[in-house]
Amino acid sequence: MGIVYSFIIVRNPVHSAIREKDQLPYNISLIELEEQRGLRICSNVLNIAPEDIYIDMPVQVTFMPTVDEPEIVLPMFIPT
């Protein structure tokens, strides 16, 4: 469990690999973990519209496999 400490919405990415319409806009969120105060992870909040994300929003971790190497998973977050 954690909270959204800060976030930005990316609407015009620099890298061409993420310029597909289905990938925009997306968020980059700084999540503060409940288990250790002050510990923050840069990640994404999934399953939410960009305009619905807010500071102090409660989230929980989920793990997503990478496309190229499914045995490697990344921590992502979903609203609670």
N, C-alpha and C. Protein backbone atom coordinates (compact mmCIF):
# COMPACT_ATOMS: atom_id res chain seq x y z
N MET A 1 0.84 -1.18 0.00
CA MET A 1 0.00 0.00 0.00
C MET A 1 0.88 1.24 0.00
N GLY A 2 0.32 2.31 -0.52
CA GLY A 2 1.04 3.56 -0.56
C GLY A 2 0.12 4.68 -0.99
N ILE A 3 0.72 5.85 -1.22
CA ILE A 3 -0.03 7.01 -1.69
C ILE A 3 0.73 7.66 -2.84
N VAL A 4 0.00 8.37 -3.68
CA VAL A 4 0.63 9.16 -4.73
C VAL A 4 1.22 10.39 -4.07
N TYR A 5 2.54 10.50 -4.10
CA TYR A 5 3.24 11.63 -3.50
C TYR A 5 3.30 12.80 -4.49
N SER A 6 3.52 12.47 -5.76
CA SER A 6 3.58 13.46 -6.83
C SER A 6 3.35 12.73 -8.16
N PHE A 7 3.03 13.48 -9.20
CA PHE A 7 2.86 12.85 -10.51
C PHE A 7 2.88 13.91 -11.61
N ILE A 8 3.13 13.45 -12.84
CA ILE A 8 2.99 14.28 -14.03
C ILE A 8 2.22 13.47 -15.07
N ILE A 9 1.62 14.16 -16.00
CA ILE A 9 0.94 13.51 -17.12
C ILE A 9 1.75 13.82 -18.38
N VAL A 10 2.17 12.77 -19.08
CA VAL A 10 2.95 12.92 -20.31
C VAL A 10 1.98 12.88 -21.48
N ARG A 11 1.99 13.96 -22.26
CA ARG A 11 1.11 14.04 -23.43
C ARG A 11 1.90 14.07 -24.73
N ASN A 12 3.16 14.50 -24.67
CA ASN A 12 4.02 14.61 -25.85
C ASN A 12 5.37 13.98 -25.56
N PRO A 13 5.48 12.65 -25.65
CA PRO A 13 6.75 11.99 -25.33
C PRO A 13 7.83 12.30 -26.35
N VAL A 14 9.06 12.29 -25.89
CA VAL A 14 10.20 12.57 -26.75
C VAL A 14 10.57 11.35 -27.60
N HIS A 15 10.53 10.18 -27.01
CA HIS A 15 10.99 8.97 -27.70
C HIS A 15 9.90 8.42 -28.62
N SER A 16 10.26 8.10 -29.83
CA SER A 16 9.29 7.64 -30.82
C SER A 16 8.65 6.30 -30.47
N ALA A 17 9.29 5.50 -29.63
CA ALA A 17 8.75 4.18 -29.27
C ALA A 17 7.45 4.29 -28.48
N ILE A 18 7.20 5.42 -27.85
CA ILE A 18 5.97 5.55 -27.06
C ILE A 18 5.06 6.65 -27.59
N ARG A 19 5.11 6.87 -28.88
CA ARG A 19 4.25 7.88 -29.48
C ARG A 19 2.96 7.31 -30.06
N GLU A 20 2.70 6.05 -29.81
CA GLU A 20 1.47 5.43 -30.30
C GLU A 20 0.27 6.04 -29.58
N LYS A 21 -0.82 6.22 -30.30
CA LYS A 21 -2.02 6.85 -29.73
C LYS A 21 -2.57 6.09 -28.53
N ASP A 22 -2.47 4.76 -28.54
CA ASP A 22 -3.02 3.99 -27.43
C ASP A 22 -2.17 4.08 -26.17
N GLN A 23 -0.99 4.68 -26.26
CA GLN A 23 -0.12 4.81 -25.09
C GLN A 23 -0.15 6.22 -24.49
N LEU A 24 -0.88 7.12 -25.09
CA LEU A 24 -0.90 8.51 -24.64
C LEU A 24 -2.30 8.92 -24.20
N PRO A 25 -2.43 9.81 -23.27
CA PRO A 25 -1.40 10.24 -22.33
C PRO A 25 -1.17 9.16 -21.27
N TYR A 26 -0.06 9.28 -20.57
CA TYR A 26 0.22 8.36 -19.46
C TYR A 26 0.80 9.14 -18.30
N ASN A 27 0.82 8.52 -17.14
CA ASN A 27 1.32 9.21 -15.95
C ASN A 27 2.65 8.63 -15.52
N ILE A 28 3.44 9.47 -14.93
CA ILE A 28 4.64 9.05 -14.20
C ILE A 28 4.40 9.51 -12.77
N SER A 29 4.32 8.55 -11.87
CA SER A 29 3.93 8.86 -10.49
C SER A 29 5.01 8.50 -9.50
N LEU A 30 5.15 9.32 -8.50
CA LEU A 30 6.06 9.05 -7.39
C LEU A 30 5.19 8.54 -6.24
N ILE A 31 5.40 7.28 -5.88
CA ILE A 31 4.57 6.61 -4.88
C ILE A 31 5.35 6.49 -3.58
N GLU A 32 4.78 7.00 -2.49
CA GLU A 32 5.39 6.82 -1.17
C GLU A 32 4.79 5.58 -0.53
N LEU A 33 5.67 4.65 -0.15
CA LEU A 33 5.21 3.38 0.41
C LEU A 33 4.84 3.52 1.88
N GLU A 34 3.76 2.86 2.25
CA GLU A 34 3.27 2.87 3.63
C GLU A 34 4.24 2.17 4.58
N GLU A 35 4.90 1.13 4.09
CA GLU A 35 5.76 0.30 4.94
C GLU A 35 7.00 1.03 5.45
N GLN A 36 7.47 2.03 4.69
CA GLN A 36 8.65 2.77 5.13
C GLN A 36 8.48 4.23 4.71
N ARG A 37 8.19 5.04 5.67
CA ARG A 37 7.96 6.46 5.41
C ARG A 37 9.18 7.09 4.74
N GLY A 38 8.95 7.86 3.70
CA GLY A 38 10.04 8.51 2.99
C GLY A 38 10.59 7.69 1.83
N LEU A 39 10.22 6.41 1.75
CA LEU A 39 10.65 5.56 0.64
C LEU A 39 9.68 5.77 -0.51
N ARG A 40 10.20 6.26 -1.64
CA ARG A 40 9.35 6.58 -2.78
C ARG A 40 9.84 5.86 -4.02
N ILE A 41 8.89 5.38 -4.82
CA ILE A 41 9.18 4.64 -6.04
C ILE A 41 8.56 5.38 -7.22
N CYS A 42 9.34 5.56 -8.27
CA CYS A 42 8.83 6.14 -9.51
C CYS A 42 8.21 5.02 -10.33
N SER A 43 6.94 5.17 -10.70
CA SER A 43 6.22 4.11 -11.40
C SER A 43 5.04 4.73 -12.15
N ASN A 44 4.05 3.91 -12.44
CA ASN A 44 2.82 4.36 -13.09
C ASN A 44 1.62 3.89 -12.29
N VAL A 45 0.55 4.68 -12.33
CA VAL A 45 -0.73 4.25 -11.77
C VAL A 45 -1.57 3.77 -12.95
N LEU A 46 -2.01 2.53 -12.90
CA LEU A 46 -2.75 1.91 -14.00
C LEU A 46 -4.26 2.00 -13.77
N ASN A 47 -5.00 1.78 -14.85
CA ASN A 47 -6.47 1.69 -14.79
C ASN A 47 -7.14 2.94 -14.26
N ILE A 48 -6.62 4.10 -14.66
CA ILE A 48 -7.22 5.36 -14.21
C ILE A 48 -6.99 6.43 -15.27
N ALA A 49 -7.97 7.29 -15.45
CA ALA A 49 -7.82 8.41 -16.39
C ALA A 49 -6.86 9.44 -15.79
N PRO A 50 -6.05 10.09 -16.62
CA PRO A 50 -5.08 11.06 -16.10
C PRO A 50 -5.70 12.13 -15.21
N GLU A 51 -6.88 12.59 -15.55
CA GLU A 51 -7.51 13.66 -14.76
C GLU A 51 -8.03 13.19 -13.41
N ASP A 52 -8.04 11.88 -13.19
CA ASP A 52 -8.54 11.34 -11.91
C ASP A 52 -7.45 11.06 -10.88
N ILE A 53 -6.19 11.18 -11.26
CA ILE A 53 -5.09 10.98 -10.31
C ILE A 53 -4.97 12.22 -9.44
N TYR A 54 -4.69 12.02 -8.16
CA TYR A 54 -4.51 13.16 -7.26
C TYR A 54 -3.48 12.84 -6.17
N ILE A 55 -2.90 13.88 -5.61
CA ILE A 55 -1.92 13.75 -4.54
C ILE A 55 -2.62 13.11 -3.33
N ASP A 56 -1.91 12.21 -2.65
CA ASP A 56 -2.40 11.45 -1.49
C ASP A 56 -3.43 10.37 -1.85
N MET A 57 -3.59 10.08 -3.14
CA MET A 57 -4.51 9.01 -3.55
C MET A 57 -3.94 7.67 -3.08
N PRO A 58 -4.74 6.84 -2.42
CA PRO A 58 -4.25 5.53 -1.99
C PRO A 58 -4.12 4.57 -3.17
N VAL A 59 -3.02 3.82 -3.18
CA VAL A 59 -2.75 2.86 -4.25
C VAL A 59 -2.17 1.58 -3.65
N GLN A 60 -2.22 0.51 -4.44
CA GLN A 60 -1.57 -0.74 -4.02
C GLN A 60 -0.75 -1.26 -5.19
N VAL A 61 0.27 -2.02 -4.86
CA VAL A 61 1.20 -2.51 -5.87
C VAL A 61 0.62 -3.70 -6.64
N THR A 62 0.97 -3.78 -7.91
CA THR A 62 0.72 -4.94 -8.75
C THR A 62 1.98 -5.12 -9.59
N PHE A 63 2.24 -6.30 -10.05
CA PHE A 63 3.47 -6.55 -10.80
C PHE A 63 3.14 -6.92 -12.24
N MET A 64 3.77 -6.21 -13.17
CA MET A 64 3.53 -6.41 -14.60
C MET A 64 4.79 -6.97 -15.27
N PRO A 65 4.66 -8.07 -16.02
CA PRO A 65 5.81 -8.59 -16.75
C PRO A 65 6.17 -7.65 -17.90
N THR A 66 7.46 -7.57 -18.21
CA THR A 66 7.89 -6.76 -19.35
C THR A 66 7.57 -7.49 -20.64
N VAL A 67 7.43 -6.74 -21.73
CA VAL A 67 7.07 -7.33 -23.02
C VAL A 67 8.18 -8.22 -23.56
N ASP A 68 9.40 -7.74 -23.51
CA ASP A 68 10.52 -8.48 -24.10
C ASP A 68 11.00 -9.64 -23.25
N GLU A 69 10.91 -9.50 -21.93
CA GLU A 69 11.38 -10.55 -21.03
C GLU A 69 10.34 -10.76 -19.93
N PRO A 70 9.35 -11.63 -20.17
CA PRO A 70 8.25 -11.80 -19.22
C PRO A 70 8.66 -12.26 -17.82
N GLU A 71 9.85 -12.83 -17.69
CA GLU A 71 10.29 -13.24 -16.36
C GLU A 71 10.73 -12.05 -15.51
N ILE A 72 10.89 -10.90 -16.14
CA ILE A 72 11.21 -9.66 -15.42
C ILE A 72 9.91 -8.91 -15.21
N VAL A 73 9.62 -8.59 -13.95
CA VAL A 73 8.38 -7.87 -13.64
C VAL A 73 8.69 -6.50 -13.05
N LEU A 74 7.80 -5.57 -13.29
CA LEU A 74 7.96 -4.20 -12.79
C LEU A 74 6.83 -3.88 -11.81
N PRO A 75 7.16 -3.18 -10.72
CA PRO A 75 6.09 -2.76 -9.81
C PRO A 75 5.31 -1.60 -10.41
N MET A 76 4.02 -1.78 -10.52
CA MET A 76 3.10 -0.74 -10.97
C MET A 76 2.06 -0.59 -9.86
N PHE A 77 1.22 0.40 -9.96
CA PHE A 77 0.25 0.64 -8.90
C PHE A 77 -1.15 0.81 -9.47
N ILE A 78 -2.14 0.42 -8.66
CA ILE A 78 -3.54 0.58 -9.03
C ILE A 78 -4.25 1.29 -7.88
N PRO A 79 -5.28 2.07 -8.19
CA PRO A 79 -6.02 2.75 -7.12
C PRO A 79 -6.71 1.73 -6.21
N THR A 80 -6.83 2.09 -4.93
CA THR A 80 -7.54 1.21 -4.00
C THR A 80 -8.91 1.78 -3.67
